[in-house]
Amino acid sequence: MATYTTLAAAAPAGVSLASRSRAGSPLRSKLAPKHGKRGVHLRVAAVSTPAKETGAGPKGDFDWDNLGFGLVETSFMFRTECAIDGEWTMGSVEPYGNLSLHPSAAVLNYGQGIFEGMKAFRTEGSDEVQIFRPDQNAARFAEGAGRMSMPPVPADVFVDAVKKCVSANREWVPPTGKGSLYLRPLLIGTGPILGLGPAPSYTFLVYCSPVASYFKGGKMAPIDLVVEETYHRAAPGGTGSTKCIGNYSPVLKVQLAAKKEGYSDVIYLDAVENKYIEEVSSCNFFCVKGKTIATPGLGGSILPGITRKSVIDLARAKGYTVEERNVSVDEVLEADECFCCGTAVVVVPVGSITVKGEKTQFYEGKTGPVAQEMYDELTGIQSGKVEGPDGWLEVVPENYHL
């Protein structure tokens, strides 16, 4: 029986933080890994994966040029289980398929579950496959588990599982420039329970799907947003900062209505004063004025996005002043440009924002220079064209899952 320590900010086992000599992003000389002081201790059975050959990959005529952002069923997924006391059972890479759940599973009755979104990429000029900042997803996953009264998955177990899922589905990683392999780790209460309470057992699984652009129109196509003033995504003291499953379907009501009106998505305001920007349905928001970039500060109702954090670091390294604070609608309408970011959307420019029926356009509805700069730097790092900060990319060795 192995004992693991979960450190929220520490790099998990296997994530290289060693210095490298190649030149690249200005962040390389400014960022250093930080280590948390407190950890969550769990007794965990070592996760091992039985030897299993990679299954059928995409057919030779698979259309990588028209992926979009929809589910493509791949070959394998990773799964492991544990009891409420934190005793994890053996995990394995297994054929992609359906789950069998008890009708009274906590996730079905009480929504006890969290998930992550992350991506793996092929490296420019080689067949190497890398995952973007998995240590950060592991830390947020552990924090989310605590908020939802579930036993956290140790960071090294999390990263190991993600790497095995990528390795087993390596043939599904799109060619460079065609997209990425989107990864969806899930932690759900699968044990049966009738009265309100934590599930007696849990399932941690990772599945994946090759994807391309999230929004209609392709990468870097400006999106049109509308400000929602009646419904709110989250409230102080709630779970807005947690990537829990119950946070997402409630946004569909206004999102679908907005799309019927021709908008790409909805901007949500704070639930207290109803005048400060919080988030778009599934991504963080930024506005630019001169050399200052402002984004809503994390106050418990906004998701601490990994891409958000990366963009802030990149922008500061490039000389921009980045302010994390309250950002009012009035301020946004006076901005030079706006953009959104997230794992799924990457960086996407905002072409217009509509408030109370009045539309304000940015850069004549085209991509602004700061959004383009952030997109180029971020995707350059992810594809290996630009050398990024140490620890931002985790290489997945071929046949790692075997």
Protein backbone atom coordinates (compact mmCIF):
# COMPACT_ATOMS: atom_id res chain seq x y z
CA MET A 1 0.00 0.00 0.00
CA ALA A 2 1.50 3.32 -1.07
CA THR A 3 0.88 6.64 0.69
CA TYR A 4 0.60 9.72 -1.50
CA THR A 5 0.55 13.37 -0.51
CA THR A 6 -1.51 15.79 -2.57
CA LEU A 7 0.12 19.22 -2.76
CA ALA A 8 -2.14 21.74 -4.45
CA ALA A 9 0.63 23.73 -6.09
CA ALA A 10 3.38 21.17 -6.28
CA ALA A 11 4.35 19.53 -9.54
CA PRO A 12 3.27 15.87 -9.51
CA ALA A 13 5.61 13.02 -10.13
CA GLY A 14 6.68 12.86 -13.73
CA VAL A 15 6.21 16.57 -14.44
CA SER A 16 9.63 17.86 -15.36
CA LEU A 17 10.62 21.16 -13.79
CA ALA A 18 14.28 20.87 -14.75
CA SER A 19 15.81 23.89 -16.41
CA ARG A 20 16.39 23.72 -20.13
CA SER A 21 18.77 25.82 -22.15
CA ARG A 22 16.74 26.57 -25.26
CA ALA A 23 15.60 30.13 -25.82
CA GLY A 24 11.92 30.92 -26.08
CA SER A 25 9.10 32.51 -24.06
CA PRO A 26 10.11 35.46 -21.82
CA LEU A 27 8.36 33.64 -19.00
CA ARG A 28 11.16 31.08 -18.80
CA SER A 29 13.29 33.50 -16.80
CA LYS A 30 10.43 34.88 -14.70
CA LEU A 31 8.46 31.88 -13.47
CA ALA A 32 9.53 29.24 -11.02
CA PRO A 33 7.43 26.42 -9.58
CA LYS A 34 5.83 27.14 -6.23
CA HIS A 35 5.20 24.50 -3.63
CA GLY A 36 2.30 24.43 -1.21
CA LYS A 37 2.83 23.81 2.47
CA ARG A 38 -0.15 21.67 3.25
CA GLY A 39 -1.18 18.38 1.76
CA VAL A 40 -4.09 15.97 1.88
CA HIS A 41 -2.90 12.50 2.87
CA LEU A 42 -4.63 9.45 1.46
CA ARG A 43 -3.74 5.79 1.58
CA VAL A 44 -3.87 4.73 -2.04
CA ALA A 45 -3.31 1.41 -3.71
CA ALA A 46 -0.75 1.93 -6.48
CA VAL A 47 -2.47 2.34 -9.82
CA SER A 48 -1.25 -0.13 -12.40
CA THR A 49 -2.39 -0.76 -15.93
CA PRO A 50 -2.42 -4.25 -17.44
CA ALA A 51 -0.50 -4.54 -20.70
CA LYS A 52 -2.89 -3.80 -23.52
CA GLU A 53 -2.19 -3.09 -27.15
CA THR A 54 -3.61 0.07 -28.71
CA GLY A 55 -6.94 -0.67 -30.40
CA ALA A 56 -8.31 0.50 -33.69
CA GLY A 57 -7.40 4.10 -34.34
CA PRO A 58 -8.94 6.46 -36.89
CA LYS A 59 -9.37 5.04 -40.37
CA GLY A 60 -7.08 6.16 -43.15
CA ASP A 61 -9.74 8.40 -44.66
CA PHE A 62 -10.53 10.14 -41.34
CA ASP A 63 -11.27 13.81 -42.07
CA TRP A 64 -8.93 15.77 -39.80
CA ASP A 65 -9.80 19.00 -41.62
CA ASN A 66 -13.43 19.04 -40.45
CA LEU A 67 -13.24 18.00 -36.80
CA GLY A 68 -15.14 20.76 -35.04
CA PHE A 69 -15.81 20.34 -31.32
CA GLY A 70 -17.94 17.23 -31.05
CA LEU A 71 -17.52 13.81 -29.47
CA VAL A 72 -15.51 11.30 -31.46
CA GLU A 73 -15.42 7.95 -29.69
CA THR A 74 -11.82 6.83 -29.31
CA SER A 75 -10.32 3.44 -28.44
CA PHE A 76 -9.70 3.46 -24.69
CA MET A 77 -10.43 5.20 -21.41
CA PHE A 78 -8.84 4.98 -17.97
CA ARG A 79 -10.79 4.02 -14.85
CA THR A 80 -10.13 3.43 -11.15
CA GLU A 81 -12.33 3.39 -8.03
CA CYS A 82 -12.10 4.08 -4.32
CA ALA A 83 -14.22 3.90 -1.19
CA ILE A 84 -15.17 6.96 0.85
CA ASP A 85 -12.23 6.33 3.21
CA GLY A 86 -9.79 6.94 0.35
CA GLU A 87 -8.84 3.33 -0.37
CA TRP A 88 -8.23 3.38 -4.13
CA THR A 89 -8.51 0.15 -6.07
CA MET A 90 -6.47 -0.93 -9.06
CA GLY A 91 -7.05 1.20 -12.15
CA SER A 92 -6.72 0.22 -15.77
CA VAL A 93 -6.90 1.34 -19.35
CA GLU A 94 -9.95 -0.36 -20.79
CA PRO A 95 -11.96 -0.22 -24.02
CA TYR A 96 -14.00 2.95 -24.38
CA GLY A 97 -17.62 2.19 -23.50
CA ASN A 98 -20.66 2.75 -21.33
CA LEU A 99 -20.72 2.79 -17.54
CA SER A 100 -23.11 0.78 -15.39
CA LEU A 101 -24.53 2.84 -12.52
CA HIS A 102 -26.90 2.10 -9.64
CA PRO A 103 -30.14 4.15 -9.90
CA SER A 104 -29.36 5.70 -6.51
CA ALA A 105 -25.78 6.65 -7.38
CA ALA A 106 -24.95 9.97 -5.72
CA VAL A 107 -23.93 11.54 -9.01
CA LEU A 108 -27.37 10.82 -10.50
CA ASN A 109 -29.40 11.91 -7.50
CA TYR A 110 -27.36 14.67 -5.89
CA GLY A 111 -24.93 15.76 -8.60
CA GLN A 112 -21.83 14.73 -6.67
CA GLY A 113 -19.21 15.04 -9.37
CA ILE A 114 -16.47 17.19 -10.84
CA PHE A 115 -14.59 17.17 -14.13
CA GLU A 116 -11.62 18.74 -15.87
CA GLY A 117 -10.87 19.82 -19.42
CA MET A 118 -7.33 19.57 -20.78
CA LYS A 119 -5.53 18.91 -24.05
CA ALA A 120 -2.70 16.91 -25.59
CA PHE A 121 -0.87 18.07 -28.72
CA ARG A 122 1.51 16.74 -31.32
CA THR A 123 4.79 18.61 -31.36
CA GLU A 124 5.77 20.60 -34.43
CA GLY A 125 8.40 18.77 -36.47
CA SER A 126 8.23 15.49 -34.56
CA ASP A 127 5.83 12.78 -33.51
CA GLU A 128 6.16 13.69 -29.83
CA VAL A 129 2.89 14.13 -27.89
CA GLN A 130 2.64 16.51 -24.93
CA ILE A 131 -0.03 17.53 -22.39
CA PHE A 132 -0.46 21.18 -21.43
CA ARG A 133 0.02 21.99 -17.71
CA PRO A 134 -1.48 18.79 -16.20
CA ASP A 135 -0.16 19.69 -12.75
CA GLN A 136 -2.51 22.69 -12.68
CA ASN A 137 -5.52 20.56 -13.60
CA ALA A 138 -4.51 18.05 -10.93
CA ALA A 139 -4.42 20.79 -8.28
CA ARG A 140 -7.82 22.22 -9.29
CA PHE A 141 -9.28 18.69 -9.42
CA ALA A 142 -8.14 18.05 -5.83
CA GLU A 143 -9.60 21.35 -4.62
CA GLY A 144 -12.89 20.62 -6.38
CA ALA A 145 -13.07 17.17 -4.79
CA GLY A 146 -12.73 18.72 -1.35
CA ARG A 147 -15.51 21.22 -2.06
CA MET A 148 -17.81 18.38 -3.16
CA SER A 149 -16.92 16.12 -0.18
CA MET A 150 -15.12 13.53 -2.29
CA PRO A 151 -11.70 11.92 -1.64
CA PRO A 152 -9.16 13.86 -3.78
CA VAL A 153 -7.21 12.03 -6.45
CA PRO A 154 -3.48 12.46 -5.65
CA ALA A 155 -1.68 14.59 -8.23
CA ASP A 156 0.71 11.85 -9.35
CA VAL A 157 -2.16 9.38 -9.79
CA PHE A 158 -4.11 12.02 -11.76
CA VAL A 159 -1.24 12.81 -14.14
CA ASP A 160 -0.34 9.14 -14.55
CA ALA A 161 -3.95 8.32 -15.50
CA VAL A 162 -4.13 11.17 -18.02
CA LYS A 163 -0.84 10.12 -19.62
CA LYS A 164 -2.01 6.52 -19.90
CA CYS A 165 -5.25 7.61 -21.55
CA VAL A 166 -3.30 9.71 -24.07
CA SER A 167 -0.80 6.93 -24.70
CA ALA A 168 -3.51 4.34 -25.35
CA ASN A 169 -5.26 6.74 -27.75
CA ARG A 170 -2.11 8.18 -29.33
CA GLU A 171 -3.35 7.56 -32.88
CA TRP A 172 -6.30 9.84 -32.13
CA VAL A 173 -4.10 12.88 -31.45
CA PRO A 174 -4.70 15.12 -34.52
CA PRO A 175 -1.79 16.07 -36.79
CA THR A 176 -0.05 19.34 -35.93
CA GLY A 177 -2.25 22.29 -36.85
CA LYS A 178 -5.40 20.16 -37.21
CA GLY A 179 -6.55 20.22 -33.59
CA SER A 180 -5.80 18.52 -30.28
CA LEU A 181 -6.84 15.55 -28.17
CA TYR A 182 -9.33 16.89 -25.61
CA LEU A 183 -9.17 15.04 -22.27
CA ARG A 184 -12.03 14.79 -19.81
CA PRO A 185 -11.11 13.50 -16.32
CA LEU A 186 -14.18 12.78 -14.19
CA LEU A 187 -14.58 12.11 -10.47
CA ILE A 188 -18.11 11.01 -9.64
CA GLY A 189 -19.97 9.54 -6.69
CA THR A 190 -21.03 6.17 -8.10
CA GLY A 191 -21.90 4.45 -4.83
CA PRO A 192 -25.64 4.12 -4.01
CA ILE A 193 -27.17 6.37 -1.37
CA LEU A 194 -30.78 7.38 -0.68
CA GLY A 195 -30.52 10.11 1.95
CA LEU A 196 -28.46 13.22 1.27
CA GLY A 197 -24.83 12.50 2.04
CA PRO A 198 -21.49 11.60 0.44
CA ALA A 199 -21.46 8.52 -1.77
CA PRO A 200 -19.95 5.37 -0.23
CA SER A 201 -17.68 4.90 -3.27
CA TYR A 202 -16.27 6.88 -6.20
CA THR A 203 -15.07 6.43 -9.76
CA PHE A 204 -12.23 8.37 -11.35
CA LEU A 205 -12.05 8.02 -15.10
CA VAL A 206 -10.44 9.76 -18.06
CA TYR A 207 -11.73 9.68 -21.62
CA CYS A 208 -10.77 11.72 -24.65
CA SER A 209 -11.84 12.96 -28.08
CA PRO A 210 -10.00 14.67 -30.94
CA VAL A 211 -11.30 18.23 -31.39
CA ALA A 212 -10.71 21.42 -33.34
CA SER A 213 -12.34 24.86 -32.94
CA TYR A 214 -15.01 25.27 -30.27
CA PHE A 215 -17.03 28.10 -31.80
CA LYS A 216 -18.64 28.05 -35.21
CA GLY A 217 -16.50 29.90 -37.73
CA GLY A 218 -13.16 28.32 -36.86
CA LYS A 219 -10.19 29.38 -34.77
CA MET A 220 -9.81 33.11 -34.10
CA ALA A 221 -13.17 33.92 -35.68
CA PRO A 222 -14.57 36.81 -33.55
CA ILE A 223 -17.65 35.94 -31.50
CA ASP A 224 -20.70 38.07 -30.70
CA LEU A 225 -21.77 38.12 -27.06
CA VAL A 226 -24.85 39.38 -25.22
CA VAL A 227 -24.93 40.45 -21.57
CA GLU A 228 -27.42 38.50 -19.45
CA GLU A 229 -29.05 40.60 -16.72
CA THR A 230 -31.69 38.25 -15.26
CA TYR A 231 -30.00 34.92 -14.70
CA HIS A 232 -26.65 34.38 -12.98
CA ARG A 233 -24.06 31.66 -13.35
CA ALA A 234 -22.91 31.68 -9.71
CA ALA A 235 -23.19 33.56 -6.41
CA PRO A 236 -20.82 34.33 -3.52
CA GLY A 237 -20.41 31.34 -1.25
CA GLY A 238 -21.53 28.91 -3.94
CA THR A 239 -19.60 26.59 -6.22
CA GLY A 240 -18.72 28.98 -9.05
CA SER A 241 -15.01 28.42 -8.53
CA THR A 242 -15.42 24.63 -8.65
CA LYS A 243 -15.64 22.70 -11.90
CA CYS A 244 -18.57 20.68 -10.64
CA ILE A 245 -21.09 19.12 -12.99
CA GLY A 246 -24.05 21.11 -11.66
CA ASN A 247 -22.58 24.45 -12.78
CA TYR A 248 -23.06 23.91 -16.49
CA SER A 249 -26.52 22.76 -17.52
CA PRO A 250 -28.20 25.78 -15.82
CA VAL A 251 -26.52 28.11 -18.34
CA LEU A 252 -28.15 26.32 -21.26
CA LYS A 253 -31.49 28.09 -20.89
CA VAL A 254 -30.13 31.55 -21.66
CA GLN A 255 -27.32 30.30 -23.90
CA LEU A 256 -29.73 28.54 -26.25
CA ALA A 257 -32.02 31.57 -26.29
CA ALA A 258 -29.05 33.79 -27.15
CA LYS A 259 -27.96 31.52 -29.97
CA LYS A 260 -31.44 31.67 -31.46
CA GLU A 261 -30.97 35.45 -31.60
CA GLY A 262 -27.68 35.03 -33.47
CA TYR A 263 -25.23 35.45 -30.59
CA SER A 264 -22.32 33.10 -30.00
CA ASP A 265 -22.66 33.03 -26.21
CA VAL A 266 -23.66 34.93 -23.05
CA ILE A 267 -21.74 37.12 -20.61
CA TYR A 268 -22.88 36.67 -16.99
CA LEU A 269 -22.81 39.45 -14.40
CA ASP A 270 -22.17 39.27 -10.67
CA ALA A 271 -25.14 38.17 -8.56
CA VAL A 272 -24.80 40.99 -5.99
CA GLU A 273 -24.75 44.28 -7.91
CA ASN A 274 -25.52 42.92 -11.36
CA LYS A 275 -23.04 45.25 -13.06
CA TYR A 276 -19.66 43.52 -13.03
CA ILE A 277 -18.55 40.98 -15.65
CA GLU A 278 -17.94 37.47 -14.34
CA GLU A 279 -17.66 34.86 -17.07
CA VAL A 280 -18.94 33.72 -20.40
CA SER A 281 -20.76 30.35 -20.20
CA SER A 282 -17.62 28.24 -20.47
CA CYS A 283 -14.65 30.63 -20.59
CA ASN A 284 -12.95 33.55 -18.84
CA PHE A 285 -13.13 37.15 -20.06
CA PHE A 286 -10.50 39.85 -20.71
CA CYS A 287 -10.67 43.45 -21.93
CA VAL A 288 -7.81 45.62 -23.19
CA LYS A 289 -7.18 49.37 -22.92
CA GLY A 290 -3.79 50.48 -24.20
CA LYS A 291 -1.14 48.36 -22.46
CA THR A 292 -3.48 47.35 -19.63
CA ILE A 293 -5.39 44.08 -19.67
CA ALA A 294 -8.20 43.64 -17.12
CA THR A 295 -9.95 40.42 -16.15
CA PRO A 296 -12.52 39.73 -13.40
CA GLY A 297 -10.74 38.81 -10.18
CA LEU A 298 -11.21 35.42 -8.58
CA GLY A 299 -13.61 35.86 -5.70
CA GLY A 300 -15.16 32.43 -5.29
CA SER A 301 -17.77 32.69 -8.04
CA ILE A 302 -15.41 32.58 -11.03
CA LEU A 303 -13.62 29.45 -12.24
CA PRO A 304 -9.81 29.74 -11.90
CA GLY A 305 -9.10 28.75 -15.49
CA ILE A 306 -5.77 27.17 -16.40
CA THR A 307 -5.75 29.04 -19.72
CA ARG A 308 -6.69 32.24 -17.86
CA LYS A 309 -3.70 31.81 -15.57
CA SER A 310 -1.43 31.07 -18.54
CA VAL A 311 -2.58 34.14 -20.48
CA ILE A 312 -2.02 36.36 -17.43
CA ASP A 313 1.53 35.01 -17.04
CA LEU A 314 2.31 35.41 -20.74
CA ALA A 315 0.89 38.93 -20.93
CA ARG A 316 2.87 40.12 -17.90
CA ALA A 317 6.05 38.60 -19.31
CA LYS A 318 5.45 40.57 -22.51
CA GLY A 319 5.21 43.86 -20.64
CA TYR A 320 1.46 44.30 -20.25
CA THR A 321 -0.08 45.45 -16.99
CA VAL A 322 -2.63 42.80 -16.02
CA GLU A 323 -5.25 43.73 -13.43
CA GLU A 324 -7.43 41.13 -11.71
CA ARG A 325 -10.36 43.11 -10.27
CA ASN A 326 -13.99 44.06 -10.74
CA VAL A 327 -14.65 44.91 -14.38
CA SER A 328 -17.88 46.80 -15.03
CA VAL A 329 -19.99 46.58 -18.18
CA ASP A 330 -19.42 50.30 -18.77
CA GLU A 331 -15.65 49.80 -18.69
CA VAL A 332 -15.84 46.92 -21.12
CA LEU A 333 -17.82 48.96 -23.64
CA GLU A 334 -14.98 51.53 -23.65
CA ALA A 335 -12.26 48.92 -24.20
CA ASP A 336 -10.00 48.77 -27.25
CA GLU A 337 -10.65 45.05 -27.62
CA CYS A 338 -11.95 42.06 -25.69
CA PHE A 339 -11.26 38.35 -25.80
CA CYS A 340 -12.15 35.12 -24.01
CA CYS A 341 -10.02 32.13 -23.15
CA GLY A 342 -10.39 28.57 -21.93
CA THR A 343 -9.16 25.06 -22.60
CA ALA A 344 -11.84 24.41 -25.21
CA VAL A 345 -11.88 27.85 -26.88
CA VAL A 346 -8.12 28.57 -26.43
CA VAL A 347 -8.14 32.35 -27.11
CA VAL A 348 -11.04 33.81 -29.07
CA PRO A 349 -11.59 37.50 -29.93
CA VAL A 350 -14.88 39.22 -29.12
CA GLY A 351 -16.31 40.95 -32.17
CA SER A 352 -19.21 42.63 -30.37
CA ILE A 353 -21.09 42.86 -27.10
CA THR A 354 -24.79 43.66 -26.90
CA VAL A 355 -26.25 45.28 -23.77
CA LYS A 356 -29.96 46.11 -23.49
CA GLY A 357 -30.30 45.75 -27.24
CA GLU A 358 -27.42 48.09 -28.08
CA LYS A 359 -24.46 46.51 -29.90
CA THR A 360 -20.89 47.70 -29.39
CA GLN A 361 -18.34 46.45 -31.89
CA PHE A 362 -14.61 46.04 -31.30
CA TYR A 363 -12.00 46.40 -34.04
CA GLU A 364 -14.79 46.54 -36.62
CA GLY A 365 -15.70 43.00 -35.64
CA LYS A 366 -12.23 41.71 -36.44
CA THR A 367 -9.47 40.18 -34.34
CA GLY A 368 -7.61 42.66 -32.12
CA PRO A 369 -3.79 42.63 -31.89
CA VAL A 370 -3.57 41.58 -28.23
CA ALA A 371 -5.91 38.61 -28.70
CA GLN A 372 -3.86 37.56 -31.71
CA GLU A 373 -0.60 37.93 -29.78
CA MET A 374 -1.87 35.85 -26.86
CA TYR A 375 -3.24 33.19 -29.20
CA ASP A 376 0.00 32.94 -31.17
CA GLU A 377 2.14 32.69 -28.04
CA LEU A 378 -0.09 30.16 -26.29
CA THR A 379 -0.61 27.87 -29.28
CA GLY A 380 3.05 28.23 -30.19
CA ILE A 381 4.00 26.84 -26.79
CA GLN A 382 1.42 24.06 -26.99
CA SER A 383 2.61 22.95 -30.44
CA GLY A 384 6.30 23.19 -29.60
CA LYS A 385 7.00 26.08 -31.99
CA VAL A 386 7.75 28.39 -29.04
CA GLU A 387 9.72 27.31 -25.99
CA GLY A 388 7.52 27.92 -22.98
CA PRO A 389 8.16 28.04 -19.24
CA ASP A 390 9.55 24.94 -17.61
CA GLY A 391 6.87 22.48 -16.52
CA TRP A 392 4.15 23.71 -18.87
CA LEU A 393 4.37 20.66 -21.14
CA GLU A 394 4.44 17.03 -20.03
CA VAL A 395 5.72 14.54 -22.61
CA VAL A 396 3.75 11.30 -23.01
CA PRO A 397 6.19 8.51 -23.92
CA GLU A 398 5.04 6.13 -26.61
CA ASN A 399 3.45 2.97 -25.14
CA TYR A 400 3.40 4.57 -21.68
CA HIS A 401 0.17 2.71 -20.93
CA LEU A 402 1.67 -0.74 -21.53
